[in-house]
Amino acid sequence: MSYDDIRPIFEKYFNSNMAFLEKSKKELEEEASKALKRKSKSSEQQAAKKQKFDEEVEELKKHLQIVPNDEDDVYTEATPLALK
């Protein structure tokens, strides 16, 4: 076989391999993009959860009263929210 006979066969397989690699590269980029979105969404959820938790803590602190005891110990009494 001469070079002219081999060249089209080589190009066919070479182009096939390059297409596969490009496809793999695009898939990897898409997976990385999805992972980044997932991570950012998770961070947003954690921030929202922390904010909600902080708001609940502030609400509970409003109903907390520190009462000194005769023995110089400090106790806390929580007023039930149903009474407020």
PDB file of N, CA and C in Angstrom:
ATOM      1  N   MET A   1       0.840  -1.183   0.000  1.00  0.00           N
ATOM      2  CA  MET A   1       0.000   0.000   0.000  1.00  0.00           C
ATOM      3  C   MET A   1       0.882   1.243   0.000  1.00  0.00           C
ATOM      4  N   SER A   2       0.437   2.189  -0.733  1.00  0.00           N
ATOM      5  CA  SER A   2       1.198   3.430  -0.818  1.00  0.00           C
ATOM      6  C   SER A   2       0.663   4.438   0.206  1.00  0.00           C
ATOM      7  N   TYR A   3       1.376   5.497   0.333  1.00  0.00           N
ATOM      8  CA  TYR A   3       0.992   6.563   1.263  1.00  0.00           C
ATOM      9  C   TYR A   3      -0.381   7.122   0.902  1.00  0.00           C
ATOM     10  N   ASP A   4      -0.630   7.297  -0.376  1.00  0.00           N
ATOM     11  CA  ASP A   4      -1.915   7.836  -0.829  1.00  0.00           C
ATOM     12  C   ASP A   4      -3.073   6.900  -0.476  1.00  0.00           C
ATOM     13  N   ASP A   5      -2.816   5.614  -0.376  1.00  0.00           N
ATOM     14  CA  ASP A   5      -3.859   4.658   0.003  1.00  0.00           C
ATOM     15  C   ASP A   5      -4.102   4.671   1.517  1.00  0.00           C
ATOM     16  N   ILE A   6      -3.042   4.847   2.254  1.00  0.00           N
ATOM     17  CA  ILE A   6      -3.128   4.792   3.719  1.00  0.00           C
ATOM     18  C   ILE A   6      -3.675   6.096   4.304  1.00  0.00           C
ATOM     19  N   ARG A   7      -3.353   7.199   3.684  1.00  0.00           N
ATOM     20  CA  ARG A   7      -3.722   8.520   4.216  1.00  0.00           C
ATOM     21  C   ARG A   7      -5.230   8.656   4.500  1.00  0.00           C
ATOM     22  N   PRO A   8      -6.155   8.312   3.597  1.00  0.00           N
ATOM     23  CA  PRO A   8      -7.592   8.453   3.913  1.00  0.00           C
ATOM     24  C   PRO A   8      -8.036   7.580   5.094  1.00  0.00           C
ATOM     25  N   ILE A   9      -7.473   6.392   5.201  1.00  0.00           N
ATOM     26  CA  ILE A   9      -7.817   5.509   6.323  1.00  0.00           C
ATOM     27  C   ILE A   9      -7.331   6.127   7.632  1.00  0.00           C
ATOM     28  N   PHE A  10      -6.100   6.618   7.610  1.00  0.00           N
ATOM     29  CA  PHE A  10      -5.527   7.259   8.788  1.00  0.00           C
ATOM     30  C   PHE A  10      -6.372   8.466   9.200  1.00  0.00           C
ATOM     31  N   GLU A  11      -6.723   9.313   8.235  1.00  0.00           N
ATOM     32  CA  GLU A  11      -7.517  10.506   8.530  1.00  0.00           C
ATOM     33  C   GLU A  11      -8.880  10.137   9.115  1.00  0.00           C
ATOM     34  N   LYS A  12      -9.478   9.093   8.597  1.00  0.00           N
ATOM     35  CA  LYS A  12     -10.782   8.650   9.084  1.00  0.00           C
ATOM     36  C   LYS A  12     -10.706   8.296  10.573  1.00  0.00           C
ATOM     37  N   TYR A  13      -9.726   7.479  10.942  1.00  0.00           N
ATOM     38  CA  TYR A  13      -9.588   7.071  12.340  1.00  0.00           C
ATOM     39  C   TYR A  13      -9.096   8.219  13.219  1.00  0.00           C
ATOM     40  N   PHE A  14      -8.219   9.027  12.672  1.00  0.00           N
ATOM     41  CA  PHE A  14      -7.717  10.182  13.424  1.00  0.00           C
ATOM     42  C   PHE A  14      -8.867  11.140  13.740  1.00  0.00           C
ATOM     43  N   ASN A  15      -9.686  11.443  12.741  1.00  0.00           N
ATOM     44  CA  ASN A  15     -10.821  12.343  12.947  1.00  0.00           C
ATOM     45  C   ASN A  15     -11.830  11.742  13.926  1.00  0.00           C
ATOM     46  N   SER A  16     -12.020  10.435  13.846  1.00  0.00           N
ATOM     47  CA  SER A  16     -12.916   9.756  14.779  1.00  0.00           C
ATOM     48  C   SER A  16     -12.401   9.891  16.213  1.00  0.00           C
ATOM     49  N   ASN A  17     -11.104   9.686  16.400  1.00  0.00           N
ATOM     50  CA  ASN A  17     -10.497   9.812  17.730  1.00  0.00           C
ATOM     51  C   ASN A  17     -10.588  11.249  18.245  1.00  0.00           C
ATOM     52  N   MET A  18     -10.332  12.209  17.373  1.00  0.00           N
ATOM     53  CA  MET A  18     -10.389  13.615  17.781  1.00  0.00           C
ATOM     54  C   MET A  18     -11.820  14.001  18.182  1.00  0.00           C
ATOM     55  N   ALA A  19     -12.805  13.501  17.436  1.00  0.00           N
ATOM     56  CA  ALA A  19     -14.203  13.784  17.767  1.00  0.00           C
ATOM     57  C   ALA A  19     -14.551  13.202  19.133  1.00  0.00           C
ATOM     58  N   PHE A  20     -14.064  11.997  19.405  1.00  0.00           N
ATOM     59  CA  PHE A  20     -14.304  11.368  20.704  1.00  0.00           C
ATOM     60  C   PHE A  20     -13.674  12.195  21.824  1.00  0.00           C
ATOM     61  N   LEU A  21     -12.440  12.649  21.605  1.00  0.00           N
ATOM     62  CA  LEU A  21     -11.760  13.448  22.627  1.00  0.00           C
ATOM     63  C   LEU A  21     -12.470  14.779  22.856  1.00  0.00           C
ATOM     64  N   GLU A  22     -12.920  15.412  21.795  1.00  0.00           N
ATOM     65  CA  GLU A  22     -13.657  16.669  21.933  1.00  0.00           C
ATOM     66  C   GLU A  22     -14.957  16.446  22.706  1.00  0.00           C
ATOM     67  N   LYS A  23     -15.632  15.352  22.385  1.00  0.00           N
ATOM     68  CA  LYS A  23     -16.877  15.028  23.078  1.00  0.00           C
ATOM     69  C   LYS A  23     -16.595  14.789  24.562  1.00  0.00           C
ATOM     70  N   SER A  24     -15.534  14.048  24.841  1.00  0.00           N
ATOM     71  CA  SER A  24     -15.164  13.778  26.233  1.00  0.00           C
ATOM     72  C   SER A  24     -14.831  15.078  26.952  1.00  0.00           C
ATOM     73  N   LYS A  25     -14.128  15.968  26.269  1.00  0.00           N
ATOM     74  CA  LYS A  25     -13.753  17.247  26.872  1.00  0.00           C
ATOM     75  C   LYS A  25     -15.004  18.065  27.190  1.00  0.00           C
ATOM     76  N   LYS A  26     -15.957  18.086  26.265  1.00  0.00           N
ATOM     77  CA  LYS A  26     -17.197  18.828  26.497  1.00  0.00           C
ATOM     78  C   LYS A  26     -17.978  18.226  27.658  1.00  0.00           C
ATOM     79  N   GLU A  27     -18.032  16.896  27.717  1.00  0.00           N
ATOM     80  CA  GLU A  27     -18.740  16.229  28.812  1.00  0.00           C
ATOM     81  C   GLU A  27     -18.083  16.542  30.153  1.00  0.00           C
ATOM     82  N   LEU A  28     -16.751  16.558  30.176  1.00  0.00           N
ATOM     83  CA  LEU A  28     -16.046  16.889  31.416  1.00  0.00           C
ATOM     84  C   LEU A  28     -16.343  18.323  31.833  1.00  0.00           C
ATOM     85  N   GLU A  29     -16.365  19.236  30.866  1.00  0.00           N
ATOM     86  CA  GLU A  29     -16.670  20.625  31.184  1.00  0.00           C
ATOM     87  C   GLU A  29     -18.097  20.761  31.704  1.00  0.00           C
ATOM     88  N   GLU A  30     -19.028  20.021  31.102  1.00  0.00           N
ATOM     89  CA  GLU A  30     -20.413  20.061  31.566  1.00  0.00           C
ATOM     90  C   GLU A  30     -20.532  19.503  32.980  1.00  0.00           C
ATOM     91  N   GLU A  31     -19.837  18.412  33.255  1.00  0.00           N
ATOM     92  CA  GLU A  31     -19.867  17.827  34.597  1.00  0.00           C
ATOM     93  C   GLU A  31     -19.278  18.797  35.612  1.00  0.00           C
ATOM     94  N   ALA A  32     -18.180  19.457  35.239  1.00  0.00           N
ATOM     95  CA  ALA A  32     -17.569  20.432  36.142  1.00  0.00           C
ATOM     96  C   ALA A  32     -18.523  21.596  36.385  1.00  0.00           C
ATOM     97  N   SER A  33     -19.205  22.015  35.342  1.00  0.00           N
ATOM     98  CA  SER A  33     -20.171  23.106  35.470  1.00  0.00           C
ATOM     99  C   SER A  33     -21.317  22.697  36.391  1.00  0.00           C
ATOM    100  N   LYS A  34     -21.819  21.476  36.212  1.00  0.00           N
ATOM    101  CA  LYS A  34     -22.906  20.982  37.064  1.00  0.00           C
ATOM    102  C   LYS A  34     -22.454  20.889  38.519  1.00  0.00           C
ATOM    103  N   ALA A  35     -21.233  20.405  38.728  1.00  0.00           N
ATOM    104  CA  ALA A  35     -20.715  20.283  40.093  1.00  0.00           C
ATOM    105  C   ALA A  35     -20.585  21.659  40.736  1.00  0.00           C
ATOM    106  N   LEU A  36     -20.132  22.638  39.967  1.00  0.00           N
ATOM    107  CA  LEU A  36     -19.997  23.995  40.489  1.00  0.00           C
ATOM    108  C   LEU A  36     -21.362  24.574  40.841  1.00  0.00           C
ATOM    109  N   LYS A  37     -22.355  24.338  39.989  1.00  0.00           N
ATOM    110  CA  LYS A  37     -23.711  24.813  40.273  1.00  0.00           C
ATOM    111  C   LYS A  37     -24.253  24.152  41.534  1.00  0.00           C
ATOM    112  N   ARG A  38     -24.005  22.833  41.656  1.00  0.00           N
ATOM    113  CA  ARG A  38     -24.466  22.098  42.832  1.00  0.00           C
ATOM    114  C   ARG A  38     -23.830  22.672  44.095  1.00  0.00           C
ATOM    115  N   LYS A  39     -22.532  22.957  44.005  1.00  0.00           N
ATOM    116  CA  LYS A  39     -21.815  23.482  45.164  1.00  0.00           C
ATOM    117  C   LYS A  39     -22.335  24.869  45.528  1.00  0.00           C
ATOM    118  N   SER A  40     -22.563  25.709  44.530  1.00  0.00           N
ATOM    119  CA  SER A  40     -23.053  27.051  44.806  1.00  0.00           C
ATOM    120  C   SER A  40     -24.471  26.994  45.356  1.00  0.00           C
ATOM    121  N   LYS A  41     -25.286  26.078  44.834  1.00  0.00           N
ATOM    122  CA  LYS A  41     -26.652  25.917  45.340  1.00  0.00           C
ATOM    123  C   LYS A  41     -26.606  25.442  46.788  1.00  0.00           C
ATOM    124  N   SER A  42     -25.687  24.516  47.067  1.00  0.00           N
ATOM    125  CA  SER A  42     -25.533  24.005  48.423  1.00  0.00           C
ATOM    126  C   SER A  42     -25.099  25.132  49.362  1.00  0.00           C
ATOM    127  N   SER A  43     -24.182  25.988  48.900  1.00  0.00           N
ATOM    128  CA  SER A  43     -23.730  27.113  49.714  1.00  0.00           C
ATOM    129  C   SER A  43     -24.876  28.074  49.991  1.00  0.00           C
ATOM    130  N   GLU A  44     -25.698  28.314  48.973  1.00  0.00           N
ATOM    131  CA  GLU A  44     -26.852  29.192  49.157  1.00  0.00           C
ATOM    132  C   GLU A  44     -27.822  28.593  50.165  1.00  0.00           C
ATOM    133  N   GLN A  45     -28.031  27.283  50.083  1.00  0.00           N
ATOM    134  CA  GLN A  45     -28.936  26.621  51.019  1.00  0.00           C
ATOM    135  C   GLN A  45     -28.386  26.704  52.438  1.00  0.00           C
ATOM    136  N   GLN A  46     -27.078  26.515  52.582  1.00  0.00           N
ATOM    137  CA  GLN A  46     -26.476  26.593  53.908  1.00  0.00           C
ATOM    138  C   GLN A  46     -26.598  28.005  54.466  1.00  0.00           C
ATOM    139  N   ALA A  47     -26.399  29.015  53.615  1.00  0.00           N
ATOM    140  CA  ALA A  47     -26.522  30.397  54.065  1.00  0.00           C
ATOM    141  C   ALA A  47     -27.955  30.690  54.495  1.00  0.00           C
ATOM    142  N   ALA A  48     -28.916  30.211  53.726  1.00  0.00           N
ATOM    143  CA  ALA A  48     -30.324  30.419  54.075  1.00  0.00           C
ATOM    144  C   ALA A  48     -30.662  29.702  55.378  1.00  0.00           C
ATOM    145  N   LYS A  49     -30.143  28.497  55.532  1.00  0.00           N
ATOM    146  CA  LYS A  49     -30.395  27.718  56.753  1.00  0.00           C
ATOM    147  C   LYS A  49     -29.794  28.426  57.969  1.00  0.00           C
ATOM    148  N   LYS A  50     -28.570  28.956  57.819  1.00  0.00           N
ATOM    149  CA  LYS A  50     -27.906  29.663  58.914  1.00  0.00           C
ATOM    150  C   LYS A  50     -28.675  30.932  59.267  1.00  0.00           C
ATOM    151  N   GLN A  51     -29.136  31.655  58.252  1.00  0.00           N
ATOM    152  CA  GLN A  51     -29.899  32.870  58.502  1.00  0.00           C
ATOM    153  C   GLN A  51     -31.195  32.547  59.246  1.00  0.00           C
ATOM    154  N   LYS A  52     -31.876  31.501  58.828  1.00  0.00           N
ATOM    155  CA  LYS A  52     -33.118  31.097  59.488  1.00  0.00           C
ATOM    156  C   LYS A  52     -32.838  30.698  60.937  1.00  0.00           C
ATOM    157  N   PHE A  53     -31.742  29.962  61.137  1.00  0.00           N
ATOM    158  CA  PHE A  53     -31.362  29.540  62.482  1.00  0.00           C
ATOM    159  C   PHE A  53     -31.066  30.758  63.353  1.00  0.00           C
ATOM    160  N   ASP A  54     -30.324  31.738  62.807  1.00  0.00           N
ATOM    161  CA  ASP A  54     -30.003  32.952  63.561  1.00  0.00           C
ATOM    162  C   ASP A  54     -31.267  33.725  63.929  1.00  0.00           C
ATOM    163  N   GLU A  55     -32.223  33.776  63.002  1.00  0.00           N
ATOM    164  CA  GLU A  55     -33.489  34.457  63.293  1.00  0.00           C
ATOM    165  C   GLU A  55     -34.242  33.746  64.413  1.00  0.00           C
ATOM    166  N   GLU A  56     -34.243  32.420  64.393  1.00  0.00           N
ATOM    167  CA  GLU A  56     -34.907  31.659  65.451  1.00  0.00           C
ATOM    168  C   GLU A  56     -34.226  31.892  66.792  1.00  0.00           C
ATOM    169  N   VAL A  57     -32.895  31.955  66.784  1.00  0.00           N
ATOM    170  CA  VAL A  57     -32.149  32.204  68.020  1.00  0.00           C
ATOM    171  C   VAL A  57     -32.511  33.579  68.575  1.00  0.00           C
ATOM    172  N   GLU A  58     -32.558  34.589  67.709  1.00  0.00           N
ATOM    173  CA  GLU A  58     -32.917  35.933  68.162  1.00  0.00           C
ATOM    174  C   GLU A  58     -34.338  35.958  68.728  1.00  0.00           C
ATOM    175  N   GLU A  59     -35.244  35.248  68.085  1.00  0.00           N
ATOM    176  CA  GLU A  59     -36.629  35.187  68.570  1.00  0.00           C
ATOM    177  C   GLU A  59     -36.677  34.519  69.949  1.00  0.00           C
ATOM    178  N   LEU A  60     -35.912  33.447  70.128  1.00  0.00           N
ATOM    179  CA  LEU A  60     -35.902  32.762  71.425  1.00  0.00           C
ATOM    180  C   LEU A  60     -35.235  33.609  72.501  1.00  0.00           C
ATOM    181  N   LYS A  61     -34.230  34.396  72.121  1.00  0.00           N
ATOM    182  CA  LYS A  61     -33.555  35.256  73.096  1.00  0.00           C
ATOM    183  C   LYS A  61     -34.501  36.323  73.636  1.00  0.00           C
ATOM    184  N   LYS A  62     -35.470  36.723  72.833  1.00  0.00           N
ATOM    185  CA  LYS A  62     -36.432  37.730  73.289  1.00  0.00           C
ATOM    186  C   LYS A  62     -37.252  37.209  74.465  1.00  0.00           C
ATOM    187  N   HIS A  63     -37.464  35.914  74.511  1.00  0.00           N
ATOM    188  CA  HIS A  63     -38.306  35.314  75.546  1.00  0.00           C
ATOM    189  C   HIS A  63     -37.486  34.688  76.675  1.00  0.00           C
ATOM    190  N   LEU A  64     -36.194  34.956  76.695  1.00  0.00           N
ATOM    191  CA  LEU A  64     -35.318  34.387  77.711  1.00  0.00           C
ATOM    192  C   LEU A  64     -35.067  35.438  78.788  1.00  0.00           C
ATOM    193  N   GLN A  65     -35.180  35.037  80.023  1.00  0.00           N
ATOM    194  CA  GLN A  65     -34.990  35.970  81.127  1.00  0.00           C
ATOM    195  C   GLN A  65     -33.987  35.365  82.100  1.00  0.00           C
ATOM    196  N   ILE A  66     -32.958  36.127  82.444  1.00  0.00           N
ATOM    197  CA  ILE A  66     -31.963  35.659  83.409  1.00  0.00           C
ATOM    198  C   ILE A  66     -32.413  36.122  84.791  1.00  0.00           C
ATOM    199  N   VAL A  67     -32.538  35.155  85.695  1.00  0.00           N
ATOM    200  CA  VAL A  67     -33.034  35.440  87.044  1.00  0.00           C
ATOM    201  C   VAL A  67     -31.949  35.057  88.044  1.00  0.00           C
ATOM    202  N   PRO A  68     -31.446  36.013  88.842  1.00  0.00           N
ATOM    203  CA  PRO A  68     -30.437  35.660  89.854  1.00  0.00           C
ATOM    204  C   PRO A  68     -31.077  34.864  90.994  1.00  0.00           C
ATOM    205  N   ASN A  69     -30.308  33.964  91.571  1.00  0.00           N
ATOM    206  CA  ASN A  69     -30.770  33.127  92.671  1.00  0.00           C
ATOM    207  C   ASN A  69     -30.080  33.604  93.950  1.00  0.00           C
ATOM    208  N   ASP A  70     -30.629  33.264  95.108  1.00  0.00           N
ATOM    209  CA  ASP A  70     -30.044  33.672  96.388  1.00  0.00           C
ATOM    210  C   ASP A  70     -28.657  33.087  96.596  1.00  0.00           C
ATOM    211  N   GLU A  71     -28.354  31.984  95.972  1.00  0.00           N
ATOM    212  CA  GLU A  71     -27.072  31.315  96.169  1.00  0.00           C
ATOM    213  C   GLU A  71     -26.013  31.827  95.195  1.00  0.00           C
ATOM    214  N   ASP A  72     -26.242  32.946  94.599  1.00  0.00           N
ATOM    215  CA  ASP A  72     -25.338  33.565  93.635  1.00  0.00           C
ATOM    216  C   ASP A  72     -25.128  32.722  92.385  1.00  0.00           C
ATOM    217  N   ASP A  73     -25.986  31.760  92.159  1.00  0.00           N
ATOM    218  CA  ASP A  73     -25.952  31.007  90.908  1.00  0.00           C
ATOM    219  C   ASP A  73     -26.918  31.679  89.938  1.00  0.00           C
ATOM    220  N   VAL A  74     -26.643  31.572  88.697  1.00  0.00           N
ATOM    221  CA  VAL A  74     -27.519  32.189  87.703  1.00  0.00           C
ATOM    222  C   VAL A  74     -28.258  31.092  86.963  1.00  0.00           C
ATOM    223  N   TYR A  75     -29.565  31.211  86.927  1.00  0.00           N
ATOM    224  CA  TYR A  75     -30.410  30.269  86.208  1.00  0.00           C
ATOM    225  C   TYR A  75     -31.162  31.028  85.127  1.00  0.00           C
ATOM    226  N   THR A  76     -31.608  30.312  84.173  1.00  0.00           N
ATOM    227  CA  THR A  76     -32.424  30.952  83.140  1.00  0.00           C
ATOM    228  C   THR A  76     -33.819  30.364  83.185  1.00  0.00           C
ATOM    229  N   GLU A  77     -34.786  31.213  82.972  1.00  0.00           N
ATOM    230  CA  GLU A  77     -36.158  30.759  82.888  1.00  0.00           C
ATOM    231  C   GLU A  77     -36.672  31.148  81.514  1.00  0.00           C
ATOM    232  N   ALA A  78     -37.188  30.199  80.813  1.00  0.00           N
ATOM    233  CA  ALA A  78     -37.751  30.479  79.498  1.00  0.00           C
ATOM    234  C   ALA A  78     -39.251  30.620  79.640  1.00  0.00           C
ATOM    235  N   THR A  79     -39.767  31.704  79.121  1.00  0.00           N
ATOM    236  CA  THR A  79     -41.212  31.904  79.121  1.00  0.00           C
ATOM    237  C   THR A  79     -41.781  31.127  77.951  1.00  0.00           C
ATOM    238  N   PRO A  80     -42.743  30.266  78.182  1.00  0.00           N
ATOM    239  CA  PRO A  80     -43.322  29.518  77.063  1.00  0.00           C
ATOM    240  C   PRO A  80     -43.893  30.480  76.019  1.00  0.00           C
ATOM    241  N   LEU A  81     -43.669  30.187  74.780  1.00  0.00           N
ATOM    242  CA  LEU A  81     -44.121  31.059  73.706  1.00  0.00           C
ATOM    243  C   LEU A  81     -45.639  31.162  73.648  1.00  0.00           C
ATOM    244  N   ALA A  82     -46.330  30.148  74.149  1.00  0.00           N
ATOM    245  CA  ALA A  82     -47.787  30.158  74.120  1.00  0.00           C
ATOM    246  C   ALA A  82     -48.346  31.246  75.037  1.00  0.00           C
ATOM    247  N   LEU A  83     -47.599  31.641  76.056  1.00  0.00           N
ATOM    248  CA  LEU A  83     -48.071  32.657  76.988  1.00  0.00           C
ATOM    249  C   LEU A  83     -47.829  34.068  76.478  1.00  0.00           C
ATOM    250  N   LYS A  84     -46.975  34.245  75.524  1.00  0.00           N
ATOM    251  CA  LYS A  84     -46.641  35.580  75.008  1.00  0.00           C
ATOM    252  C   LYS A  84     -47.656  36.056  74.027  1.00  0.00           C
TER     253      LYS A  84
END
